[in-house]
Amino acid sequence: MITPSWQQPGLRAAVLYALLTSLVGTVAGTVSRLELTRRAMPDHPLPAGPVIVVANHTGFADGFLLAIVGRRLGRSLRLMATGGVFRHPLLGPLLRRLGFIPVLRGTATAADSLGQAELALAAGEAVGLFPEGRITRDPAKWPERSKTGAVRLALRTGAPIVPVALVGAHDVVGTTRVVTRLLRNLLWRPVVRVAVGEPIDVRRLAGVVGDEVPDDATIRRLADEVMGQLISRVAELRGESAPHPLGVPESALA
């Protein structure tokens, strides 16, 4: 299976993206309250040009909420999403038109998603992804240890990484009792708190010069450092200390 090459959305797709996120934002506003903590930026809430936005992953609503946050911060995020949704006959073509990028986990073409994301970044886009690679399986909803994809992408492209912490998103749409939860939320809207961290220059952290490629051990260390900054924002919003400051390891999951 050959993954179609990513193409930059045109003006019509940009208008469609704005309309859809506005509609989704209105719907989300009926079942949740989004509280966004902005950083002090002189010109843009998010950096202009290519940027990678990473967030923790606690529930099915995270992608929608992250897209809404991106719009509120001045950017239309091209989200990297599980390949399954792209196989839907209606949703798949729509997501591709909006510039979303399928991640075909567990297949021979899984690495292609990073190549597609590189194309988007080369076009000056903002790419959003969940570095854990899945909804956290930690019962307390702390982030798991991240995969290395976001850091590899930043090293290849030079794009900064901006961590976005989402706390309370699992109360909007969780992994169980979806309909019951949504009906309850019409009466008692859960608060989703959002904190945006400072841009992280991964190439500077790695001390990379020119086209130099760090070894795997360095990439793993960088991924932990980036995830650590994201988890710090999560811990601040929760008012707690993270039990695993670099992410919950596989060995600690039930």
Protein backbone atom coordinates (compact mmCIF):
# COMPACT_ATOMS: atom_id res chain seq x y z
CA MET A 1 0.00 0.00 0.00
CA ILE A 2 1.43 3.36 -1.05
CA THR A 3 0.52 6.32 1.13
CA PRO A 4 -0.65 9.29 -0.99
CA SER A 5 1.77 12.21 -0.91
CA TRP A 6 0.70 15.04 1.38
CA GLN A 7 -0.60 18.12 -0.41
CA GLN A 8 -1.04 21.56 1.09
CA PRO A 9 -4.72 22.47 1.47
CA GLY A 10 -5.97 25.32 -0.70
CA LEU A 11 -8.15 28.29 0.14
CA ARG A 12 -11.40 26.31 0.05
CA ALA A 13 -9.96 23.75 2.46
CA ALA A 14 -8.78 26.57 4.74
CA VAL A 15 -12.29 28.02 4.84
CA LEU A 16 -13.73 24.54 5.44
CA TYR A 17 -11.26 23.97 8.30
CA ALA A 18 -12.29 27.26 9.93
CA LEU A 19 -15.98 26.45 9.59
CA LEU A 20 -15.62 22.91 10.92
CA THR A 21 -13.51 23.91 13.92
CA SER A 22 -16.02 26.66 14.69
CA LEU A 23 -18.86 24.13 14.51
CA VAL A 24 -16.97 21.55 16.56
CA GLY A 25 -16.04 24.28 19.05
CA THR A 26 -19.70 25.19 19.46
CA VAL A 27 -20.65 21.56 20.02
CA ALA A 28 -17.73 21.06 22.41
CA GLY A 29 -18.86 24.15 24.29
CA THR A 30 -22.16 22.47 25.11
CA VAL A 31 -20.47 19.53 26.81
CA SER A 32 -17.31 21.14 28.20
CA ARG A 33 -15.61 24.41 29.14
CA LEU A 34 -12.22 25.06 27.55
CA GLU A 35 -9.88 27.18 29.67
CA LEU A 36 -6.75 28.20 27.77
CA THR A 37 -3.61 29.59 29.41
CA ARG A 38 -1.80 31.67 26.77
CA ARG A 39 1.90 32.29 26.67
CA ALA A 40 3.20 35.82 26.29
CA MET A 41 4.30 36.01 22.65
CA PRO A 42 5.09 39.35 20.98
CA ASP A 43 3.51 38.58 17.59
CA HIS A 44 1.92 35.14 17.49
CA PRO A 45 0.39 32.88 20.18
CA LEU A 46 2.12 30.05 18.28
CA PRO A 47 5.33 30.55 16.29
CA ALA A 48 4.91 31.44 12.64
CA GLY A 49 6.19 29.00 10.04
CA PRO A 50 6.78 25.29 10.56
CA VAL A 51 6.01 24.14 14.10
CA ILE A 52 5.26 20.81 15.79
CA VAL A 53 2.57 20.85 18.47
CA VAL A 54 2.55 17.90 20.88
CA ALA A 55 -0.09 17.08 23.49
CA ASN A 56 -0.87 14.39 26.04
CA HIS A 57 -3.56 11.87 25.11
CA THR A 58 -6.30 10.87 27.56
CA GLY A 59 -9.48 10.38 25.51
CA PHE A 60 -11.26 10.33 22.16
CA ALA A 61 -11.98 14.07 22.23
CA ASP A 62 -8.31 15.08 22.30
CA GLY A 63 -7.89 15.49 18.54
CA PHE A 64 -10.94 17.74 18.25
CA LEU A 65 -9.90 19.78 21.28
CA LEU A 66 -6.33 20.17 20.05
CA ALA A 67 -7.59 21.41 16.68
CA ILE A 68 -9.78 23.98 18.48
CA VAL A 69 -6.85 25.08 20.64
CA GLY A 70 -4.69 25.44 17.53
CA ARG A 71 -7.26 27.73 15.93
CA ARG A 72 -7.52 29.83 19.09
CA LEU A 73 -3.74 30.16 19.01
CA GLY A 74 -3.79 31.31 15.41
CA ARG A 75 -2.86 28.12 13.51
CA SER A 76 -4.71 25.36 11.67
CA LEU A 77 -3.05 22.16 12.86
CA ARG A 78 -2.46 19.34 10.41
CA LEU A 79 -3.05 16.51 12.87
CA MET A 80 -1.37 13.14 12.64
CA ALA A 81 -4.16 10.64 13.33
CA THR A 82 -4.55 6.89 13.39
CA GLY A 83 -4.93 5.47 9.92
CA GLY A 84 -8.22 3.76 10.74
CA VAL A 85 -10.26 6.95 10.52
CA PHE A 86 -8.88 7.63 7.04
CA ARG A 87 -10.47 4.41 5.79
CA HIS A 88 -13.95 5.76 6.50
CA PRO A 89 -15.61 6.51 3.11
CA LEU A 90 -16.76 10.01 4.16
CA LEU A 91 -14.42 11.05 6.97
CA GLY A 92 -11.22 9.86 5.29
CA PRO A 93 -11.40 12.10 2.19
CA LEU A 94 -12.46 15.04 4.36
CA LEU A 95 -9.50 14.67 6.71
CA ARG A 96 -7.07 14.39 3.80
CA ARG A 97 -8.55 17.52 2.27
CA LEU A 98 -7.95 19.33 5.56
CA GLY A 99 -4.31 18.27 5.45
CA PHE A 100 -4.45 15.66 8.21
CA ILE A 101 -1.82 12.92 8.09
CA PRO A 102 -2.57 9.20 8.58
CA VAL A 103 -0.38 7.15 10.89
CA LEU A 104 -0.55 3.50 9.88
CA ARG A 105 0.76 1.94 13.07
CA GLY A 106 1.97 -1.62 12.91
CA THR A 107 2.38 -1.65 9.11
CA ALA A 108 5.35 -1.58 6.77
CA THR A 109 4.40 1.98 5.77
CA ALA A 110 4.16 3.37 9.32
CA ALA A 111 7.37 5.38 8.85
CA ASP A 112 5.80 7.11 5.83
CA SER A 113 3.76 9.31 8.15
CA LEU A 114 6.90 11.17 9.24
CA GLY A 115 7.72 11.78 5.61
CA GLN A 116 4.24 13.19 5.04
CA ALA A 117 4.64 15.40 8.11
CA GLU A 118 7.99 16.62 6.75
CA LEU A 119 6.24 17.75 3.58
CA ALA A 120 3.70 19.68 5.63
CA LEU A 121 6.41 21.35 7.70
CA ALA A 122 8.39 22.21 4.57
CA ALA A 123 5.28 24.05 3.39
CA GLY A 124 5.31 26.11 6.60
CA GLU A 125 2.44 24.27 8.28
CA ALA A 126 1.79 23.49 11.94
CA VAL A 127 1.69 19.73 12.58
CA GLY A 128 -0.05 18.35 15.67
CA LEU A 129 0.54 14.93 17.18
CA PHE A 130 0.32 12.86 20.36
CA PRO A 131 3.83 11.60 21.15
CA GLU A 132 2.55 8.72 23.32
CA GLY A 133 1.11 7.16 20.18
CA ARG A 134 -2.09 6.10 21.92
CA ILE A 135 -4.51 7.07 24.69
CA THR A 136 -2.69 6.65 27.98
CA ARG A 137 -3.40 3.38 29.77
CA ASP A 138 -2.38 4.81 33.14
CA PRO A 139 -5.43 4.61 35.46
CA ALA A 140 -4.64 8.08 36.85
CA LYS A 141 -4.40 9.54 33.31
CA TRP A 142 -0.74 10.55 33.56
CA PRO A 143 1.07 10.60 30.19
CA GLU A 144 2.99 7.52 29.16
CA ARG A 145 6.62 7.67 28.05
CA SER A 146 6.69 9.11 24.55
CA LYS A 147 7.73 7.59 21.27
CA THR A 148 10.58 9.34 19.43
CA GLY A 149 8.72 10.42 16.28
CA ALA A 150 8.16 14.07 17.23
CA VAL A 151 11.84 14.56 18.08
CA ARG A 152 13.00 12.81 14.91
CA LEU A 153 10.70 15.08 12.92
CA ALA A 154 12.06 18.17 14.67
CA LEU A 155 15.65 17.09 14.04
CA ARG A 156 15.00 16.51 10.36
CA THR A 157 13.18 19.79 9.77
CA GLY A 158 14.47 22.20 12.41
CA ALA A 159 10.87 22.99 13.42
CA PRO A 160 10.37 23.89 17.09
CA ILE A 161 8.19 21.71 19.31
CA VAL A 162 5.46 23.39 21.37
CA PRO A 163 4.01 21.29 24.23
CA VAL A 164 0.28 21.66 24.91
CA ALA A 165 -1.09 20.12 28.13
CA LEU A 166 -4.73 19.01 28.20
CA VAL A 167 -6.25 18.21 31.59
CA GLY A 168 -9.86 17.08 31.88
CA ALA A 169 -10.31 16.08 28.24
CA HIS A 170 -11.07 12.48 29.22
CA ASP A 171 -14.18 13.76 31.02
CA VAL A 172 -15.61 14.99 27.71
CA VAL A 173 -15.37 11.71 25.80
CA GLY A 174 -13.65 8.86 27.58
CA THR A 175 -12.96 5.32 26.50
CA THR A 176 -16.12 3.90 28.12
CA ARG A 177 -19.78 4.98 28.59
CA VAL A 178 -19.44 7.53 25.79
CA VAL A 179 -23.15 8.32 25.30
CA THR A 180 -23.92 8.40 29.03
CA ARG A 181 -20.99 10.71 29.66
CA LEU A 182 -22.01 13.13 26.88
CA LEU A 183 -25.58 13.30 28.17
CA ARG A 184 -24.33 14.01 31.69
CA ASN A 185 -22.02 16.69 30.35
CA LEU A 186 -24.98 18.60 28.91
CA LEU A 187 -25.94 19.38 32.51
CA TRP A 188 -22.55 19.41 34.23
CA ARG A 189 -19.96 20.62 31.75
CA PRO A 190 -16.47 19.44 32.70
CA VAL A 191 -13.64 21.95 32.58
CA VAL A 192 -10.80 21.21 30.16
CA ARG A 193 -7.74 23.18 31.18
CA VAL A 194 -5.06 23.88 28.61
CA ALA A 195 -1.52 25.17 29.11
CA VAL A 196 0.87 26.01 26.28
CA GLY A 197 4.60 25.72 26.88
CA GLU A 198 7.48 27.60 25.32
CA PRO A 199 8.83 26.43 21.93
CA ILE A 200 11.62 23.85 22.24
CA ASP A 201 14.54 23.96 19.81
CA VAL A 202 15.45 20.27 19.66
CA ARG A 203 18.41 20.74 17.32
CA ARG A 204 19.94 23.19 19.79
CA LEU A 205 19.34 20.77 22.67
CA ALA A 206 21.08 18.05 20.70
CA GLY A 207 23.97 20.31 19.68
CA VAL A 208 23.36 19.34 16.07
CA VAL A 209 25.54 21.03 13.45
CA GLY A 210 24.46 21.06 9.79
CA ASP A 211 23.02 17.72 8.63
CA GLU A 212 24.46 15.80 11.56
CA VAL A 213 22.14 13.05 12.84
CA PRO A 214 22.28 12.18 16.57
CA ASP A 215 22.53 8.54 17.60
CA ASP A 216 19.51 6.63 18.90
CA ALA A 217 20.50 7.09 22.55
CA THR A 218 20.60 10.87 22.10
CA ILE A 219 17.24 10.85 20.32
CA ARG A 220 15.75 8.84 23.18
CA ARG A 221 17.13 11.35 25.70
CA LEU A 222 15.73 14.28 23.73
CA ALA A 223 12.31 12.62 23.50
CA ASP A 224 12.31 12.20 27.28
CA GLU A 225 13.32 15.85 27.80
CA VAL A 226 10.53 17.11 25.55
CA MET A 227 7.99 14.81 27.20
CA GLY A 228 9.25 15.97 30.58
CA GLN A 229 8.38 19.56 29.70
CA LEU A 230 4.90 18.51 28.56
CA ILE A 231 4.36 16.52 31.75
CA SER A 232 5.48 19.50 33.83
CA ARG A 233 2.65 21.54 32.28
CA VAL A 234 0.21 18.70 32.99
CA ALA A 235 1.38 18.51 36.62
CA GLU A 236 0.99 22.28 37.06
CA LEU A 237 -2.58 22.17 35.78
CA ARG A 238 -3.40 19.21 38.02
CA GLY A 239 -1.66 20.77 41.03
CA GLU A 240 0.16 17.50 41.64
CA SER A 241 3.62 16.04 41.25
CA ALA A 242 3.94 13.61 38.37
CA PRO A 243 4.80 10.10 39.65
CA HIS A 244 6.86 9.56 36.49
CA PRO A 245 8.30 12.95 35.38
CA LEU A 246 9.38 11.58 31.97
CA GLY A 247 6.22 9.54 31.36
CA VAL A 248 4.77 6.32 32.73
CA PRO A 249 6.98 3.42 31.57
CA GLU A 250 5.47 0.27 30.10
CA SER A 251 6.60 -1.68 33.18
CA ALA A 252 4.41 0.47 35.45
CA LEU A 253 1.21 -0.12 33.45
CA ALA A 254 -1.19 -2.81 34.58
